[in-house]
Amino acid sequence: MTEPMMILVAGPYRSGTGDDPALVDANLRRLEEATRPLFDAGHLPMVAEWVSLPVAREAGSTRVGDEVSERYLYPTAARLLQRCDGVLRLPGASSGADQDVALARERGLPVWHRLEDVPGVQPRDRAVGAR
């Protein structure tokens, strides 16, 4: 068993969706698919939207991409990276995920681009998040 880590799962959320709620939800689901194998490996997976979306709603956001939600999404990921031990960067264009990776590297945190490279992930779980 490897030492448990808090791992930020980063990848496309709004990118390429035109803010269509169904497409945004599908992207969130892809991010969430990687969480179970991380958890099963003993880690604590984190998706920034799990924190930023409720905070933005409480601040008055009415839809993804509105001015209020924009005030919370990227700062939430930056704050999480102060506590995370690494980043799993899933495939796909995403300026926000690229920002997360850059910040993680500035802080000397490991960045994995494949679930199978995260310490402790079992072979049966390696295909998750590999889209």
N, C-alpha and C. Protein backbone atom coordinates (compact mmCIF):
# COMPACT_ATOMS: atom_id res chain seq x y z
N MET A 1 0.85 -1.19 0.00
CA MET A 1 0.00 0.00 0.00
C MET A 1 0.89 1.24 0.00
N THR A 2 0.57 2.15 -0.88
CA THR A 2 1.31 3.41 -0.93
C THR A 2 0.72 4.37 0.09
N GLU A 3 1.46 5.41 0.39
CA GLU A 3 1.00 6.45 1.30
C GLU A 3 -0.23 7.13 0.69
N PRO A 4 -1.32 7.27 1.44
CA PRO A 4 -2.52 7.92 0.90
C PRO A 4 -2.24 9.37 0.51
N MET A 5 -2.79 9.77 -0.61
CA MET A 5 -2.63 11.14 -1.10
C MET A 5 -4.00 11.72 -1.44
N MET A 6 -4.11 13.04 -1.34
CA MET A 6 -5.26 13.74 -1.89
C MET A 6 -4.87 14.14 -3.30
N ILE A 7 -5.66 13.67 -4.27
CA ILE A 7 -5.31 13.86 -5.68
C ILE A 7 -6.41 14.64 -6.38
N LEU A 8 -6.04 15.77 -6.96
CA LEU A 8 -6.98 16.57 -7.74
C LEU A 8 -7.12 15.94 -9.12
N VAL A 9 -8.34 15.64 -9.51
CA VAL A 9 -8.63 15.12 -10.84
C VAL A 9 -8.97 16.32 -11.71
N ALA A 10 -8.14 16.56 -12.72
CA ALA A 10 -8.30 17.73 -13.58
C ALA A 10 -8.48 17.30 -15.03
N GLY A 11 -9.37 17.98 -15.72
CA GLY A 11 -9.62 17.69 -17.13
C GLY A 11 -10.72 18.60 -17.62
N PRO A 12 -11.18 18.39 -18.82
CA PRO A 12 -12.23 19.25 -19.37
C PRO A 12 -13.49 19.24 -18.51
N TYR A 13 -13.99 20.42 -18.24
CA TYR A 13 -15.28 20.57 -17.57
C TYR A 13 -16.21 21.35 -18.49
N ARG A 14 -15.88 22.59 -18.78
CA ARG A 14 -16.69 23.40 -19.71
C ARG A 14 -16.15 23.37 -21.13
N SER A 15 -14.90 23.06 -21.28
CA SER A 15 -14.24 23.11 -22.59
C SER A 15 -15.01 22.32 -23.63
N GLY A 16 -15.24 22.95 -24.77
CA GLY A 16 -15.88 22.30 -25.89
C GLY A 16 -17.37 22.04 -25.73
N THR A 17 -17.97 22.62 -24.71
CA THR A 17 -19.39 22.35 -24.46
C THR A 17 -20.32 23.48 -24.89
N GLY A 18 -19.78 24.67 -25.12
CA GLY A 18 -20.64 25.83 -25.36
C GLY A 18 -21.56 26.07 -24.17
N ASP A 19 -21.14 25.57 -23.00
CA ASP A 19 -21.90 25.64 -21.75
C ASP A 19 -23.24 24.94 -21.82
N ASP A 20 -23.39 23.99 -22.75
CA ASP A 20 -24.59 23.15 -22.81
C ASP A 20 -24.59 22.28 -21.55
N PRO A 21 -25.63 22.39 -20.71
CA PRO A 21 -25.64 21.66 -19.44
C PRO A 21 -25.44 20.16 -19.58
N ALA A 22 -25.99 19.55 -20.59
CA ALA A 22 -25.82 18.10 -20.77
C ALA A 22 -24.37 17.75 -21.06
N LEU A 23 -23.71 18.55 -21.88
CA LEU A 23 -22.30 18.29 -22.20
C LEU A 23 -21.39 18.58 -21.01
N VAL A 24 -21.71 19.63 -20.26
CA VAL A 24 -20.94 19.94 -19.06
C VAL A 24 -21.08 18.80 -18.06
N ASP A 25 -22.31 18.31 -17.87
CA ASP A 25 -22.54 17.19 -16.96
C ASP A 25 -21.78 15.94 -17.41
N ALA A 26 -21.72 15.70 -18.72
CA ALA A 26 -20.98 14.55 -19.23
C ALA A 26 -19.49 14.69 -18.92
N ASN A 27 -18.96 15.90 -19.04
CA ASN A 27 -17.56 16.12 -18.69
C ASN A 27 -17.31 15.90 -17.21
N LEU A 28 -18.23 16.37 -16.37
CA LEU A 28 -18.08 16.14 -14.93
C LEU A 28 -18.10 14.65 -14.63
N ARG A 29 -18.96 13.93 -15.31
CA ARG A 29 -19.04 12.48 -15.11
C ARG A 29 -17.71 11.80 -15.48
N ARG A 30 -17.06 12.26 -16.55
CA ARG A 30 -15.76 11.70 -16.94
C ARG A 30 -14.72 11.94 -15.84
N LEU A 31 -14.75 13.16 -15.27
CA LEU A 31 -13.83 13.44 -14.16
C LEU A 31 -14.11 12.49 -12.99
N GLU A 32 -15.39 12.29 -12.71
CA GLU A 32 -15.77 11.46 -11.57
C GLU A 32 -15.45 9.98 -11.79
N GLU A 33 -15.39 9.54 -13.04
CA GLU A 33 -15.06 8.13 -13.32
C GLU A 33 -13.70 7.74 -12.77
N ALA A 34 -12.80 8.68 -12.69
CA ALA A 34 -11.46 8.38 -12.20
C ALA A 34 -11.39 8.34 -10.67
N THR A 35 -12.45 8.76 -9.99
CA THR A 35 -12.37 8.88 -8.54
C THR A 35 -12.40 7.54 -7.81
N ARG A 36 -13.21 6.60 -8.28
CA ARG A 36 -13.30 5.31 -7.57
C ARG A 36 -11.97 4.55 -7.57
N PRO A 37 -11.29 4.42 -8.72
CA PRO A 37 -9.99 3.73 -8.67
C PRO A 37 -8.99 4.43 -7.75
N LEU A 38 -9.03 5.74 -7.71
CA LEU A 38 -8.13 6.47 -6.81
C LEU A 38 -8.48 6.16 -5.36
N PHE A 39 -9.77 6.18 -5.06
CA PHE A 39 -10.23 5.88 -3.71
C PHE A 39 -9.88 4.44 -3.33
N ASP A 40 -10.14 3.52 -4.26
CA ASP A 40 -9.84 2.12 -4.00
C ASP A 40 -8.34 1.89 -3.78
N ALA A 41 -7.51 2.74 -4.33
CA ALA A 41 -6.06 2.65 -4.12
C ALA A 41 -5.63 3.27 -2.79
N GLY A 42 -6.59 3.80 -2.04
CA GLY A 42 -6.27 4.37 -0.73
C GLY A 42 -6.14 5.87 -0.73
N HIS A 43 -6.36 6.49 -1.88
CA HIS A 43 -6.22 7.94 -1.98
C HIS A 43 -7.56 8.64 -1.76
N LEU A 44 -7.50 9.95 -1.59
CA LEU A 44 -8.70 10.77 -1.49
C LEU A 44 -8.79 11.60 -2.77
N PRO A 45 -9.67 11.21 -3.69
CA PRO A 45 -9.81 11.99 -4.93
C PRO A 45 -10.60 13.26 -4.68
N MET A 46 -10.25 14.30 -5.44
CA MET A 46 -10.94 15.58 -5.32
C MET A 46 -11.18 16.13 -6.71
N VAL A 47 -12.40 16.58 -6.95
CA VAL A 47 -12.76 17.28 -8.18
C VAL A 47 -13.13 18.69 -7.76
N ALA A 48 -12.48 19.69 -8.31
CA ALA A 48 -12.68 21.07 -7.86
C ALA A 48 -14.14 21.51 -7.96
N GLU A 49 -14.84 21.01 -8.95
CA GLU A 49 -16.24 21.41 -9.13
C GLU A 49 -17.11 20.95 -7.97
N TRP A 50 -16.71 19.89 -7.27
CA TRP A 50 -17.47 19.45 -6.11
C TRP A 50 -17.53 20.54 -5.04
N VAL A 51 -16.52 21.38 -5.02
CA VAL A 51 -16.47 22.47 -4.05
C VAL A 51 -16.99 23.77 -4.67
N SER A 52 -16.53 24.08 -5.86
CA SER A 52 -16.84 25.39 -6.45
C SER A 52 -18.30 25.55 -6.83
N LEU A 53 -18.94 24.49 -7.32
CA LEU A 53 -20.33 24.64 -7.77
C LEU A 53 -21.29 25.00 -6.64
N PRO A 54 -21.25 24.31 -5.48
CA PRO A 54 -22.15 24.72 -4.40
C PRO A 54 -21.84 26.11 -3.86
N VAL A 55 -20.55 26.44 -3.79
CA VAL A 55 -20.18 27.78 -3.32
C VAL A 55 -20.72 28.84 -4.28
N ALA A 56 -20.56 28.61 -5.57
CA ALA A 56 -21.06 29.57 -6.57
C ALA A 56 -22.58 29.70 -6.51
N ARG A 57 -23.27 28.57 -6.34
CA ARG A 57 -24.74 28.64 -6.21
C ARG A 57 -25.15 29.49 -5.02
N GLU A 58 -24.46 29.29 -3.90
CA GLU A 58 -24.77 30.08 -2.70
C GLU A 58 -24.46 31.56 -2.89
N ALA A 59 -23.55 31.85 -3.80
CA ALA A 59 -23.20 33.25 -4.09
C ALA A 59 -24.12 33.87 -5.14
N GLY A 60 -25.06 33.07 -5.67
CA GLY A 60 -26.02 33.61 -6.62
C GLY A 60 -25.86 33.16 -8.05
N SER A 61 -24.96 32.23 -8.33
CA SER A 61 -24.80 31.73 -9.70
C SER A 61 -26.08 31.01 -10.11
N THR A 62 -26.49 31.24 -11.35
CA THR A 62 -27.69 30.57 -11.86
C THR A 62 -27.37 29.57 -12.96
N ARG A 63 -26.14 29.61 -13.49
CA ARG A 63 -25.75 28.65 -14.53
C ARG A 63 -24.23 28.59 -14.62
N VAL A 64 -23.75 27.47 -15.09
CA VAL A 64 -22.33 27.30 -15.31
C VAL A 64 -21.85 28.34 -16.31
N GLY A 65 -20.75 28.98 -16.00
CA GLY A 65 -20.17 29.96 -16.90
C GLY A 65 -20.63 31.38 -16.67
N ASP A 66 -21.60 31.59 -15.76
CA ASP A 66 -22.00 32.97 -15.52
C ASP A 66 -20.91 33.68 -14.71
N GLU A 67 -21.05 34.98 -14.60
CA GLU A 67 -20.01 35.80 -13.95
C GLU A 67 -19.74 35.34 -12.52
N VAL A 68 -20.78 34.98 -11.79
CA VAL A 68 -20.60 34.55 -10.41
C VAL A 68 -19.82 33.24 -10.35
N SER A 69 -20.19 32.27 -11.18
CA SER A 69 -19.48 30.98 -11.13
C SER A 69 -18.02 31.14 -11.52
N GLU A 70 -17.74 32.04 -12.43
CA GLU A 70 -16.36 32.27 -12.86
C GLU A 70 -15.48 32.78 -11.72
N ARG A 71 -16.09 33.48 -10.76
CA ARG A 71 -15.31 34.00 -9.61
C ARG A 71 -14.85 32.88 -8.69
N TYR A 72 -15.45 31.69 -8.80
CA TYR A 72 -15.16 30.62 -7.87
C TYR A 72 -14.43 29.41 -8.46
N LEU A 73 -14.63 29.11 -9.72
CA LEU A 73 -14.10 27.87 -10.28
C LEU A 73 -12.57 27.77 -10.19
N TYR A 74 -11.85 28.67 -10.79
CA TYR A 74 -10.39 28.57 -10.79
C TYR A 74 -9.77 28.83 -9.42
N PRO A 75 -10.27 29.81 -8.68
CA PRO A 75 -9.70 29.99 -7.33
C PRO A 75 -9.90 28.77 -6.42
N THR A 76 -10.99 28.05 -6.61
CA THR A 76 -11.21 26.84 -5.81
C THR A 76 -10.13 25.81 -6.10
N ALA A 77 -9.84 25.58 -7.36
CA ALA A 77 -8.80 24.61 -7.72
C ALA A 77 -7.45 25.05 -7.16
N ALA A 78 -7.16 26.34 -7.23
CA ALA A 78 -5.89 26.84 -6.70
C ALA A 78 -5.80 26.61 -5.20
N ARG A 79 -6.89 26.83 -4.49
CA ARG A 79 -6.88 26.58 -3.04
C ARG A 79 -6.75 25.10 -2.75
N LEU A 80 -7.43 24.28 -3.50
CA LEU A 80 -7.31 22.83 -3.30
C LEU A 80 -5.87 22.37 -3.51
N LEU A 81 -5.21 22.95 -4.49
CA LEU A 81 -3.83 22.54 -4.76
C LEU A 81 -2.87 22.91 -3.64
N GLN A 82 -3.30 23.78 -2.73
CA GLN A 82 -2.50 24.05 -1.54
C GLN A 82 -2.53 22.87 -0.58
N ARG A 83 -3.54 21.99 -0.75
CA ARG A 83 -3.73 20.84 0.14
C ARG A 83 -3.48 19.49 -0.56
N CYS A 84 -3.55 19.48 -1.88
CA CYS A 84 -3.42 18.23 -2.63
C CYS A 84 -1.96 17.79 -2.72
N ASP A 85 -1.80 16.48 -2.93
CA ASP A 85 -0.48 15.89 -3.04
C ASP A 85 -0.09 15.58 -4.48
N GLY A 86 -1.02 15.79 -5.42
CA GLY A 86 -0.74 15.53 -6.82
C GLY A 86 -1.97 15.79 -7.66
N VAL A 87 -1.77 15.72 -8.98
CA VAL A 87 -2.84 15.97 -9.94
C VAL A 87 -2.88 14.83 -10.95
N LEU A 88 -4.09 14.33 -11.18
CA LEU A 88 -4.32 13.41 -12.30
C LEU A 88 -4.94 14.24 -13.41
N ARG A 89 -4.20 14.45 -14.49
CA ARG A 89 -4.67 15.27 -15.61
C ARG A 89 -5.24 14.34 -16.67
N LEU A 90 -6.56 14.35 -16.80
CA LEU A 90 -7.23 13.53 -17.80
C LEU A 90 -7.12 14.15 -19.19
N PRO A 91 -7.26 13.36 -20.24
CA PRO A 91 -7.12 13.88 -21.60
C PRO A 91 -8.20 14.90 -21.96
N GLY A 92 -7.85 15.76 -22.90
CA GLY A 92 -8.80 16.72 -23.44
C GLY A 92 -8.35 18.15 -23.21
N ALA A 93 -8.71 19.00 -24.14
CA ALA A 93 -8.36 20.41 -24.05
C ALA A 93 -9.08 21.05 -22.87
N SER A 94 -8.33 21.76 -22.05
CA SER A 94 -8.90 22.46 -20.91
C SER A 94 -7.89 23.45 -20.37
N SER A 95 -8.19 24.73 -20.54
CA SER A 95 -7.26 25.75 -20.02
C SER A 95 -7.22 25.70 -18.50
N GLY A 96 -8.36 25.42 -17.86
CA GLY A 96 -8.39 25.33 -16.40
C GLY A 96 -7.54 24.18 -15.89
N ALA A 97 -7.66 23.01 -16.52
CA ALA A 97 -6.84 21.87 -16.11
C ALA A 97 -5.37 22.14 -16.38
N ASP A 98 -5.08 22.83 -17.47
CA ASP A 98 -3.69 23.20 -17.76
C ASP A 98 -3.15 24.15 -16.68
N GLN A 99 -3.99 25.05 -16.20
CA GLN A 99 -3.60 25.94 -15.10
C GLN A 99 -3.33 25.13 -13.83
N ASP A 100 -4.16 24.14 -13.58
CA ASP A 100 -3.96 23.28 -12.41
C ASP A 100 -2.62 22.56 -12.50
N VAL A 101 -2.31 22.04 -13.66
CA VAL A 101 -1.03 21.33 -13.86
C VAL A 101 0.14 22.29 -13.65
N ALA A 102 0.05 23.48 -14.23
CA ALA A 102 1.14 24.45 -14.07
C ALA A 102 1.35 24.81 -12.60
N LEU A 103 0.28 25.03 -11.89
CA LEU A 103 0.38 25.37 -10.47
C LEU A 103 0.94 24.20 -9.67
N ALA A 104 0.49 23.00 -9.98
CA ALA A 104 1.02 21.81 -9.29
C ALA A 104 2.52 21.69 -9.52
N ARG A 105 2.95 21.89 -10.75
CA ARG A 105 4.38 21.79 -11.04
C ARG A 105 5.18 22.88 -10.34
N GLU A 106 4.62 24.10 -10.27
CA GLU A 106 5.29 25.17 -9.52
C GLU A 106 5.50 24.78 -8.07
N ARG A 107 4.56 24.03 -7.55
CA ARG A 107 4.61 23.62 -6.14
C ARG A 107 5.36 22.30 -5.95
N GLY A 108 5.87 21.74 -7.04
CA GLY A 108 6.64 20.51 -6.96
C GLY A 108 5.81 19.26 -6.76
N LEU A 109 4.53 19.33 -7.10
CA LEU A 109 3.65 18.18 -6.96
C LEU A 109 3.72 17.28 -8.18
N PRO A 110 3.55 15.99 -7.99
CA PRO A 110 3.53 15.10 -9.15
C PRO A 110 2.27 15.32 -9.98
N VAL A 111 2.42 15.14 -11.28
CA VAL A 111 1.29 15.22 -12.22
C VAL A 111 1.32 13.92 -13.03
N TRP A 112 0.20 13.21 -12.98
CA TRP A 112 0.07 11.98 -13.75
C TRP A 112 -0.90 12.23 -14.89
N HIS A 113 -0.61 11.67 -16.05
CA HIS A 113 -1.48 11.83 -17.22
C HIS A 113 -2.23 10.54 -17.54
N ARG A 114 -1.93 9.49 -16.79
CA ARG A 114 -2.64 8.24 -16.94
C ARG A 114 -2.94 7.69 -15.55
N LEU A 115 -4.15 7.23 -15.38
CA LEU A 115 -4.55 6.68 -14.09
C LEU A 115 -3.60 5.56 -13.67
N GLU A 116 -3.16 4.76 -14.60
CA GLU A 116 -2.29 3.63 -14.29
C GLU A 116 -0.95 4.06 -13.71
N ASP A 117 -0.57 5.32 -13.86
CA ASP A 117 0.70 5.78 -13.33
C ASP A 117 0.61 6.26 -11.88
N VAL A 118 -0.60 6.41 -11.36
CA VAL A 118 -0.78 6.85 -9.98
C VAL A 118 -0.42 5.68 -9.07
N PRO A 119 0.46 5.91 -8.10
CA PRO A 119 0.85 4.82 -7.21
C PRO A 119 -0.34 4.13 -6.54
N GLY A 120 -0.32 2.80 -6.57
CA GLY A 120 -1.33 2.01 -5.89
C GLY A 120 -2.56 1.65 -6.70
N VAL A 121 -2.74 2.25 -7.87
CA VAL A 121 -3.92 1.93 -8.68
C VAL A 121 -3.76 0.52 -9.22
N GLN A 122 -4.78 -0.28 -9.03
CA GLN A 122 -4.75 -1.69 -9.42
C GLN A 122 -4.90 -1.83 -10.94
N PRO A 123 -4.32 -2.88 -11.52
CA PRO A 123 -4.38 -3.09 -12.97
C PRO A 123 -5.81 -3.09 -13.53
N ARG A 124 -6.78 -3.63 -12.81
CA ARG A 124 -8.15 -3.69 -13.32
C ARG A 124 -8.77 -2.30 -13.48
N ASP A 125 -8.18 -1.31 -12.81
CA ASP A 125 -8.74 0.05 -12.83
C ASP A 125 -8.03 0.95 -13.82
N ARG A 126 -7.06 0.46 -14.52
CA ARG A 126 -6.19 1.33 -15.31
C ARG A 126 -6.84 1.95 -16.53
N ALA A 127 -7.91 1.38 -17.05
CA ALA A 127 -8.51 1.93 -18.25
C ALA A 127 -9.44 3.11 -17.96
N VAL A 128 -9.83 3.30 -16.72
CA VAL A 128 -10.74 4.39 -16.36
C VAL A 128 -10.05 5.73 -16.59
N GLY A 129 -10.79 6.66 -17.18
CA GLY A 129 -10.26 8.00 -17.41
C GLY A 129 -9.33 8.10 -18.59
N ALA A 130 -9.23 7.05 -19.37
CA ALA A 130 -8.27 7.04 -20.47
C ALA A 130 -8.89 7.44 -21.80
N ARG A 131 -9.95 8.18 -21.77
CA ARG A 131 -10.60 8.59 -23.02
C ARG A 131 -9.78 9.59 -23.77
